[in-house]
Amino acid sequence: MDKGRGTGRTTRIIDKAVQDLFANGIVRIEDHHFGENESDHRRATEFAFKKLLIRLRSEHGDQFIFNKNTFTVKVKYYEKRTN
C-alpha cells in the first residue's frame, strides 16, 4: 500500500457525522486513531473535526455552531422532522 495514502476511515467517520448531524441536530466527532498516547488520539480527532468543519462550510454555508473544545457541531436552527 502506498505510504502516503490512508484507508478512508476518517472520510467515512466524517460522512457518518454529517448524516447524524442532519438527523439529530447535533453531533460529536471522534477519530478512530489511537496512537502511542492520548495526545495522538486528540490530534487525530482535531484533524477530523477540522475536515468536518471545512466540508460543512463549503457544502452548507454558515448554519452551524462549532465547539472545538468538545468536538461538537450543532445546526443553528434545527427542527426535528417527524416522518
PDB file of N, CA and C in Angstrom:
ATOM      1  N   MET A   1       0.850  -1.181   0.000  1.00  0.00           N
ATOM      2  CA  MET A   1       0.000   0.000   0.000  1.00  0.00           C
ATOM      3  C   MET A   1       0.888   1.233   0.000  1.00  0.00           C
ATOM      4  N   ASP A   2       0.474   2.230  -0.731  1.00  0.00           N
ATOM      5  CA  ASP A   2       1.212   3.490  -0.789  1.00  0.00           C
ATOM      6  C   ASP A   2       1.221   4.145   0.581  1.00  0.00           C
ATOM      7  N   LYS A   3       2.400   4.475   1.081  1.00  0.00           N
ATOM      8  CA  LYS A   3       2.539   5.029   2.420  1.00  0.00           C
ATOM      9  C   LYS A   3       1.857   6.387   2.571  1.00  0.00           C
ATOM     10  N   GLY A   4       1.709   7.140   1.495  1.00  0.00           N
ATOM     11  CA  GLY A   4       1.102   8.459   1.551  1.00  0.00           C
ATOM     12  C   GLY A   4      -0.421   8.450   1.527  1.00  0.00           C
ATOM     13  N   ARG A   5      -1.025   7.307   1.308  1.00  0.00           N
ATOM     14  CA  ARG A   5      -2.482   7.220   1.207  1.00  0.00           C
ATOM     15  C   ARG A   5      -3.048   6.546   2.434  1.00  0.00           C
ATOM     16  N   GLY A   6      -4.201   7.034   2.864  1.00  0.00           N
ATOM     17  CA  GLY A   6      -4.875   6.433   4.010  1.00  0.00           C
ATOM     18  C   GLY A   6      -5.876   5.386   3.571  1.00  0.00           C
ATOM     19  N   THR A   7      -6.623   4.885   4.532  1.00  0.00           N
ATOM     20  CA  THR A   7      -7.605   3.848   4.251  1.00  0.00           C
ATOM     21  C   THR A   7      -8.986   4.411   3.977  1.00  0.00           C
ATOM     22  N   GLY A   8      -9.203   5.698   4.269  1.00  0.00           N
ATOM     23  CA  GLY A   8     -10.509   6.307   4.059  1.00  0.00           C
ATOM     24  C   GLY A   8     -11.404   6.264   5.275  1.00  0.00           C
ATOM     25  N   ARG A   9     -10.891   5.760   6.391  1.00  0.00           N
ATOM     26  CA  ARG A   9     -11.731   5.655   7.589  1.00  0.00           C
ATOM     27  C   ARG A   9     -12.146   7.021   8.117  1.00  0.00           C
ATOM     28  N   THR A  10     -11.248   8.004   8.083  1.00  0.00           N
ATOM     29  CA  THR A  10     -11.613   9.343   8.554  1.00  0.00           C
ATOM     30  C   THR A  10     -12.707   9.925   7.670  1.00  0.00           C
ATOM     31  N   THR A  11     -12.623   9.710   6.376  1.00  0.00           N
ATOM     32  CA  THR A  11     -13.660  10.183   5.464  1.00  0.00           C
ATOM     33  C   THR A  11     -15.000   9.536   5.794  1.00  0.00           C
ATOM     34  N   ARG A  12     -15.000   8.259   6.085  1.00  0.00           N
ATOM     35  CA  ARG A  12     -16.241   7.574   6.446  1.00  0.00           C
ATOM     36  C   ARG A  12     -16.784   8.083   7.782  1.00  0.00           C
ATOM     37  N   ILE A  13     -15.899   8.390   8.722  1.00  0.00           N
ATOM     38  CA  ILE A  13     -16.323   8.964  10.007  1.00  0.00           C
ATOM     39  C   ILE A  13     -16.996  10.316   9.767  1.00  0.00           C
ATOM     40  N   ILE A  14     -16.419  11.125   8.908  1.00  0.00           N
ATOM     41  CA  ILE A  14     -16.990  12.439   8.595  1.00  0.00           C
ATOM     42  C   ILE A  14     -18.331  12.281   7.883  1.00  0.00           C
ATOM     43  N   ASP A  15     -18.419  11.367   6.929  1.00  0.00           N
ATOM     44  CA  ASP A  15     -19.688  11.116   6.233  1.00  0.00           C
ATOM     45  C   ASP A  15     -20.788  10.747   7.227  1.00  0.00           C
ATOM     46  N   LYS A  16     -20.469   9.865   8.155  1.00  0.00           N
ATOM     47  CA  LYS A  16     -21.444   9.443   9.180  1.00  0.00           C
ATOM     48  C   LYS A  16     -21.804  10.608  10.090  1.00  0.00           C
ATOM     49  N   ALA A  17     -20.837  11.436  10.439  1.00  0.00           N
ATOM     50  CA  ALA A  17     -21.102  12.595  11.293  1.00  0.00           C
ATOM     51  C   ALA A  17     -22.064  13.564  10.612  1.00  0.00           C
ATOM     52  N   VAL A  18     -21.901  13.779   9.312  1.00  0.00           N
ATOM     53  CA  VAL A  18     -22.806  14.663   8.568  1.00  0.00           C
ATOM     54  C   VAL A  18     -24.220  14.090   8.590  1.00  0.00           C
ATOM     55  N   GLN A  19     -24.363  12.795   8.355  1.00  0.00           N
ATOM     56  CA  GLN A  19     -25.680  12.150   8.396  1.00  0.00           C
ATOM     57  C   GLN A  19     -26.321  12.311   9.776  1.00  0.00           C
ATOM     58  N   ASP A  20     -25.554  12.033  10.818  1.00  0.00           N
ATOM     59  CA  ASP A  20     -26.066  12.135  12.192  1.00  0.00           C
ATOM     60  C   ASP A  20     -26.421  13.574  12.553  1.00  0.00           C
ATOM     61  N   LEU A  21     -25.627  14.522  12.074  1.00  0.00           N
ATOM     62  CA  LEU A  21     -25.889  15.928  12.352  1.00  0.00           C
ATOM     63  C   LEU A  21     -27.249  16.348  11.806  1.00  0.00           C
ATOM     64  N   PHE A  22     -27.546  15.985  10.565  1.00  0.00           N
ATOM     65  CA  PHE A  22     -28.819  16.385   9.982  1.00  0.00           C
ATOM     66  C   PHE A  22     -29.985  15.567  10.521  1.00  0.00           C
ATOM     67  N   ALA A  23     -29.715  14.392  11.052  1.00  0.00           N
ATOM     68  CA  ALA A  23     -30.782  13.585  11.657  1.00  0.00           C
ATOM     69  C   ALA A  23     -31.105  14.041  13.080  1.00  0.00           C
ATOM     70  N   ASN A  24     -30.078  14.507  13.822  1.00  0.00           N
ATOM     71  CA  ASN A  24     -30.247  14.791  15.250  1.00  0.00           C
ATOM     72  C   ASN A  24     -30.037  16.246  15.645  1.00  0.00           C
ATOM     73  N   GLY A  25     -29.493  17.057  14.756  1.00  0.00           N
ATOM     74  CA  GLY A  25     -29.252  18.463  15.066  1.00  0.00           C
ATOM     75  C   GLY A  25     -27.948  18.735  15.782  1.00  0.00           C
ATOM     76  N   ILE A  26     -27.290  17.692  16.245  1.00  0.00           N
ATOM     77  CA  ILE A  26     -26.004  17.832  16.940  1.00  0.00           C
ATOM     78  C   ILE A  26     -25.197  16.551  16.722  1.00  0.00           C
ATOM     79  N   VAL A  27     -23.879  16.712  16.682  1.00  0.00           N
ATOM     80  CA  VAL A  27     -23.010  15.547  16.548  1.00  0.00           C
ATOM     81  C   VAL A  27     -21.681  15.842  17.227  1.00  0.00           C
ATOM     82  N   ARG A  28     -21.067  14.795  17.767  1.00  0.00           N
ATOM     83  CA  ARG A  28     -19.711  14.868  18.312  1.00  0.00           C
ATOM     84  C   ARG A  28     -18.856  13.922  17.488  1.00  0.00           C
ATOM     85  N   ILE A  29     -17.761  14.438  16.963  1.00  0.00           N
ATOM     86  CA  ILE A  29     -16.893  13.609  16.136  1.00  0.00           C
ATOM     87  C   ILE A  29     -15.706  13.131  16.961  1.00  0.00           C
ATOM     88  N   GLU A  30     -15.307  11.899  16.714  1.00  0.00           N
ATOM     89  CA  GLU A  30     -14.112  11.340  17.354  1.00  0.00           C
ATOM     90  C   GLU A  30     -13.441  10.426  16.338  1.00  0.00           C
ATOM     91  N   ASP A  31     -12.151  10.623  16.149  1.00  0.00           N
ATOM     92  CA  ASP A  31     -11.438   9.829  15.165  1.00  0.00           C
ATOM     93  C   ASP A  31     -11.144   8.430  15.704  1.00  0.00           C
ATOM     94  N   HIS A  32     -10.928   7.504  14.806  1.00  0.00           N
ATOM     95  CA  HIS A  32     -10.665   6.104  15.137  1.00  0.00           C
ATOM     96  C   HIS A  32      -9.227   5.866  15.589  1.00  0.00           C
ATOM     97  N   HIS A  33      -8.331   6.804  15.306  1.00  0.00           N
ATOM     98  CA  HIS A  33      -6.904   6.583  15.534  1.00  0.00           C
ATOM     99  C   HIS A  33      -6.534   6.688  17.009  1.00  0.00           C
ATOM    100  N   PHE A  34      -5.974   5.635  17.543  1.00  0.00           N
ATOM    101  CA  PHE A  34      -5.415   5.648  18.894  1.00  0.00           C
ATOM    102  C   PHE A  34      -3.935   5.315  18.752  1.00  0.00           C
ATOM    103  N   GLY A  35      -3.102   6.312  18.945  1.00  0.00           N
ATOM    104  CA  GLY A  35      -1.666   6.129  18.767  1.00  0.00           C
ATOM    105  C   GLY A  35      -0.999   5.685  20.052  1.00  0.00           C
ATOM    106  N   GLU A  36       0.214   6.136  20.216  1.00  0.00           N
ATOM    107  CA  GLU A  36       1.014   5.774  21.385  1.00  0.00           C
ATOM    108  C   GLU A  36       0.429   6.329  22.682  1.00  0.00           C
ATOM    109  N   ASN A  37      -0.246   7.480  22.588  1.00  0.00           N
ATOM    110  CA  ASN A  37      -0.774   8.098  23.801  1.00  0.00           C
ATOM    111  C   ASN A  37      -2.030   8.899  23.476  1.00  0.00           C
ATOM    112  N   GLU A  38      -2.609   9.493  24.502  1.00  0.00           N
ATOM    113  CA  GLU A  38      -3.854  10.255  24.350  1.00  0.00           C
ATOM    114  C   GLU A  38      -3.700  11.448  23.411  1.00  0.00           C
ATOM    115  N   SER A  39      -2.531  12.077  23.405  1.00  0.00           N
ATOM    116  CA  SER A  39      -2.357  13.252  22.541  1.00  0.00           C
ATOM    117  C   SER A  39      -2.415  12.868  21.060  1.00  0.00           C
ATOM    118  N   ASP A  40      -1.994  11.662  20.695  1.00  0.00           N
ATOM    119  CA  ASP A  40      -2.119  11.203  19.309  1.00  0.00           C
ATOM    120  C   ASP A  40      -3.587  11.111  18.905  1.00  0.00           C
ATOM    121  N   HIS A  41      -4.398  10.564  19.802  1.00  0.00           N
ATOM    122  CA  HIS A  41      -5.828  10.430  19.535  1.00  0.00           C
ATOM    123  C   HIS A  41      -6.480  11.815  19.429  1.00  0.00           C
ATOM    124  N   ARG A  42      -6.110  12.716  20.315  1.00  0.00           N
ATOM    125  CA  ARG A  42      -6.675  14.072  20.280  1.00  0.00           C
ATOM    126  C   ARG A  42      -6.301  14.789  18.978  1.00  0.00           C
ATOM    127  N   ARG A  43      -5.053  14.654  18.554  1.00  0.00           N
ATOM    128  CA  ARG A  43      -4.625  15.284  17.294  1.00  0.00           C
ATOM    129  C   ARG A  43      -5.414  14.721  16.111  1.00  0.00           C
ATOM    130  N   ALA A  44      -5.625  13.428  16.106  1.00  0.00           N
ATOM    131  CA  ALA A  44      -6.387  12.809  15.019  1.00  0.00           C
ATOM    132  C   ALA A  44      -7.837  13.293  15.039  1.00  0.00           C
ATOM    133  N   THR A  45      -8.413  13.438  16.224  1.00  0.00           N
ATOM    134  CA  THR A  45      -9.777  13.929  16.349  1.00  0.00           C
ATOM    135  C   THR A  45      -9.859  15.393  15.934  1.00  0.00           C
ATOM    136  N   GLU A  46      -8.866  16.198  16.303  1.00  0.00           N
ATOM    137  CA  GLU A  46      -8.824  17.603  15.864  1.00  0.00           C
ATOM    138  C   GLU A  46      -8.761  17.684  14.345  1.00  0.00           C
ATOM    139  N   PHE A  47      -7.971  16.825  13.740  1.00  0.00           N
ATOM    140  CA  PHE A  47      -7.857  16.792  12.280  1.00  0.00           C
ATOM    141  C   PHE A  47      -9.209  16.453  11.646  1.00  0.00           C
ATOM    142  N   ALA A  48      -9.884  15.439  12.164  1.00  0.00           N
ATOM    143  CA  ALA A  48     -11.192  15.050  11.633  1.00  0.00           C
ATOM    144  C   ALA A  48     -12.205  16.174  11.839  1.00  0.00           C
ATOM    145  N   PHE A  49     -12.161  16.831  12.997  1.00  0.00           N
ATOM    146  CA  PHE A  49     -13.074  17.941  13.281  1.00  0.00           C
ATOM    147  C   PHE A  49     -12.867  19.081  12.288  1.00  0.00           C
ATOM    148  N   LYS A  50     -11.608  19.420  12.010  1.00  0.00           N
ATOM    149  CA  LYS A  50     -11.315  20.489  11.054  1.00  0.00           C
ATOM    150  C   LYS A  50     -11.801  20.124   9.651  1.00  0.00           C
ATOM    151  N   LYS A  51     -11.629  18.866   9.263  1.00  0.00           N
ATOM    152  CA  LYS A  51     -12.106  18.426   7.947  1.00  0.00           C
ATOM    153  C   LYS A  51     -13.634  18.487   7.885  1.00  0.00           C
ATOM    154  N   LEU A  52     -14.295  18.128   8.984  1.00  0.00           N
ATOM    155  CA  LEU A  52     -15.749  18.220   9.053  1.00  0.00           C
ATOM    156  C   LEU A  52     -16.191  19.675   8.938  1.00  0.00           C
ATOM    157  N   LEU A  53     -15.535  20.558   9.648  1.00  0.00           N
ATOM    158  CA  LEU A  53     -15.837  21.988   9.610  1.00  0.00           C
ATOM    159  C   LEU A  53     -15.716  22.523   8.180  1.00  0.00           C
ATOM    160  N   ILE A  54     -14.621  22.213   7.523  1.00  0.00           N
ATOM    161  CA  ILE A  54     -14.394  22.670   6.146  1.00  0.00           C
ATOM    162  C   ILE A  54     -15.478  22.137   5.211  1.00  0.00           C
ATOM    163  N   ARG A  55     -15.798  20.865   5.354  1.00  0.00           N
ATOM    164  CA  ARG A  55     -16.812  20.266   4.476  1.00  0.00           C
ATOM    165  C   ARG A  55     -18.181  20.909   4.693  1.00  0.00           C
ATOM    166  N   LEU A  56     -18.578  21.070   5.950  1.00  0.00           N
ATOM    167  CA  LEU A  56     -19.891  21.648   6.224  1.00  0.00           C
ATOM    168  C   LEU A  56     -19.986  23.082   5.720  1.00  0.00           C
ATOM    169  N   ARG A  57     -18.960  23.866   5.957  1.00  0.00           N
ATOM    170  CA  ARG A  57     -18.987  25.257   5.496  1.00  0.00           C
ATOM    171  C   ARG A  57     -19.026  25.343   3.973  1.00  0.00           C
ATOM    172  N   SER A  58     -18.276  24.469   3.296  1.00  0.00           N
ATOM    173  CA  SER A  58     -18.238  24.544   1.835  1.00  0.00           C
ATOM    174  C   SER A  58     -19.524  24.027   1.204  1.00  0.00           C
ATOM    175  N   GLU A  59     -20.152  23.032   1.814  1.00  0.00           N
ATOM    176  CA  GLU A  59     -21.351  22.432   1.219  1.00  0.00           C
ATOM    177  C   GLU A  59     -22.650  23.053   1.716  1.00  0.00           C
ATOM    178  N   HIS A  60     -22.651  23.625   2.939  1.00  0.00           N
ATOM    179  CA  HIS A  60     -23.909  24.055   3.550  1.00  0.00           C
ATOM    180  C   HIS A  60     -23.872  25.473   4.114  1.00  0.00           C
ATOM    181  N   GLY A  61     -22.773  26.163   3.970  1.00  0.00           N
ATOM    182  CA  GLY A  61     -22.705  27.547   4.434  1.00  0.00           C
ATOM    183  C   GLY A  61     -22.525  27.684   5.932  1.00  0.00           C
ATOM    184  N   ASP A  62     -23.044  28.790   6.440  1.00  0.00           N
ATOM    185  CA  ASP A  62     -22.812  29.164   7.838  1.00  0.00           C
ATOM    186  C   ASP A  62     -24.052  28.914   8.696  1.00  0.00           C
ATOM    187  N   GLN A  63     -24.488  27.661   8.765  1.00  0.00           N
ATOM    188  CA  GLN A  63     -25.676  27.355   9.552  1.00  0.00           C
ATOM    189  C   GLN A  63     -25.370  26.453  10.753  1.00  0.00           C
ATOM    190  N   PHE A  64     -24.102  26.499  11.213  1.00  0.00           N
ATOM    191  CA  PHE A  64     -23.678  25.604  12.274  1.00  0.00           C
ATOM    192  C   PHE A  64     -22.969  26.343  13.398  1.00  0.00           C
ATOM    193  N   ILE A  65     -22.975  25.733  14.560  1.00  0.00           N
ATOM    194  CA  ILE A  65     -22.209  26.207  15.709  1.00  0.00           C
ATOM    195  C   ILE A  65     -21.168  25.134  15.999  1.00  0.00           C
ATOM    196  N   PHE A  66     -19.898  25.514  15.927  1.00  0.00           N
ATOM    197  CA  PHE A  66     -18.790  24.579  16.131  1.00  0.00           C
ATOM    198  C   PHE A  66     -18.181  24.801  17.511  1.00  0.00           C
ATOM    199  N   ASN A  67     -17.954  23.717  18.253  1.00  0.00           N
ATOM    200  CA  ASN A  67     -17.276  23.801  19.541  1.00  0.00           C
ATOM    201  C   ASN A  67     -16.018  22.944  19.452  1.00  0.00           C
ATOM    202  N   LYS A  68     -14.873  23.614  19.291  1.00  0.00           N
ATOM    203  CA  LYS A  68     -13.616  22.868  19.104  1.00  0.00           C
ATOM    204  C   LYS A  68     -13.110  22.236  20.395  1.00  0.00           C
ATOM    205  N   ASN A  69     -13.631  22.636  21.544  1.00  0.00           N
ATOM    206  CA  ASN A  69     -13.208  22.018  22.810  1.00  0.00           C
ATOM    207  C   ASN A  69     -13.856  20.657  23.026  1.00  0.00           C
ATOM    208  N   THR A  70     -15.098  20.523  22.583  1.00  0.00           N
ATOM    209  CA  THR A  70     -15.809  19.255  22.758  1.00  0.00           C
ATOM    210  C   THR A  70     -15.972  18.485  21.456  1.00  0.00           C
ATOM    211  N   PHE A  71     -15.480  19.067  20.348  1.00  0.00           N
ATOM    212  CA  PHE A  71     -15.572  18.453  19.019  1.00  0.00           C
ATOM    213  C   PHE A  71     -17.029  18.201  18.621  1.00  0.00           C
ATOM    214  N   THR A  72     -17.895  19.149  18.975  1.00  0.00           N
ATOM    215  CA  THR A  72     -19.301  19.029  18.618  1.00  0.00           C
ATOM    216  C   THR A  72     -19.700  20.096  17.601  1.00  0.00           C
ATOM    217  N   VAL A  73     -20.721  19.756  16.838  1.00  0.00           N
ATOM    218  CA  VAL A  73     -21.302  20.666  15.861  1.00  0.00           C
ATOM    219  C   VAL A  73     -22.817  20.623  16.059  1.00  0.00           C
ATOM    220  N   LYS A  74     -23.430  21.804  16.080  1.00  0.00           N
ATOM    221  CA  LYS A  74     -24.888  21.911  16.175  1.00  0.00           C
ATOM    222  C   LYS A  74     -25.402  22.666  14.962  1.00  0.00           C
ATOM    223  N   VAL A  75     -26.582  22.276  14.515  1.00  0.00           N
ATOM    224  CA  VAL A  75     -27.275  23.041  13.486  1.00  0.00           C
ATOM    225  C   VAL A  75     -27.915  24.223  14.210  1.00  0.00           C
ATOM    226  N   LYS A  76     -27.693  25.448  13.707  1.00  0.00           N
ATOM    227  CA  LYS A  76     -28.209  26.646  14.385  1.00  0.00           C
ATOM    228  C   LYS A  76     -29.716  26.612  14.564  1.00  0.00           C
ATOM    229  N   TYR A  77     -30.430  26.278  13.519  1.00  0.00           N
ATOM    230  CA  TYR A  77     -31.894  26.330  13.558  1.00  0.00           C
ATOM    231  C   TYR A  77     -32.443  24.946  13.241  1.00  0.00           C
ATOM    232  N   TYR A  78     -32.215  24.013  14.160  1.00  0.00           N
ATOM    233  CA  TYR A  78     -32.634  22.634  13.926  1.00  0.00           C
ATOM    234  C   TYR A  78     -34.089  22.451  14.334  1.00  0.00           C
ATOM    235  N   GLU A  79     -34.837  21.789  13.467  1.00  0.00           N
ATOM    236  CA  GLU A  79     -36.212  21.435  13.775  1.00  0.00           C
ATOM    237  C   GLU A  79     -36.366  19.951  13.508  1.00  0.00           C
ATOM    238  N   LYS A  80     -36.686  19.199  14.550  1.00  0.00           N
ATOM    239  CA  LYS A  80     -36.819  17.743  14.430  1.00  0.00           C
ATOM    240  C   LYS A  80     -37.926  17.392  13.435  1.00  0.00           C
ATOM    241  N   ARG A  81     -37.578  16.558  12.476  1.00  0.00           N
ATOM    242  CA  ARG A  81     -38.549  16.128  11.487  1.00  0.00           C
ATOM    243  C   ARG A  81     -39.319  14.925  12.023  1.00  0.00           C
ATOM    244  N   THR A  82     -40.611  14.933  11.816  1.00  0.00           N
ATOM    245  CA  THR A  82     -41.441  13.829  12.308  1.00  0.00           C
ATOM    246  C   THR A  82     -42.114  13.134  11.147  1.00  0.00           C
ATOM    247  N   ASN A  83     -41.380  12.275  10.483  1.00  0.00           N
ATOM    248  CA  ASN A  83     -41.945  11.442   9.424  1.00  0.00           C
ATOM    249  C   ASN A  83     -41.216  10.162   9.339  1.00  0.00           C
TER     250      ASN A  83
END
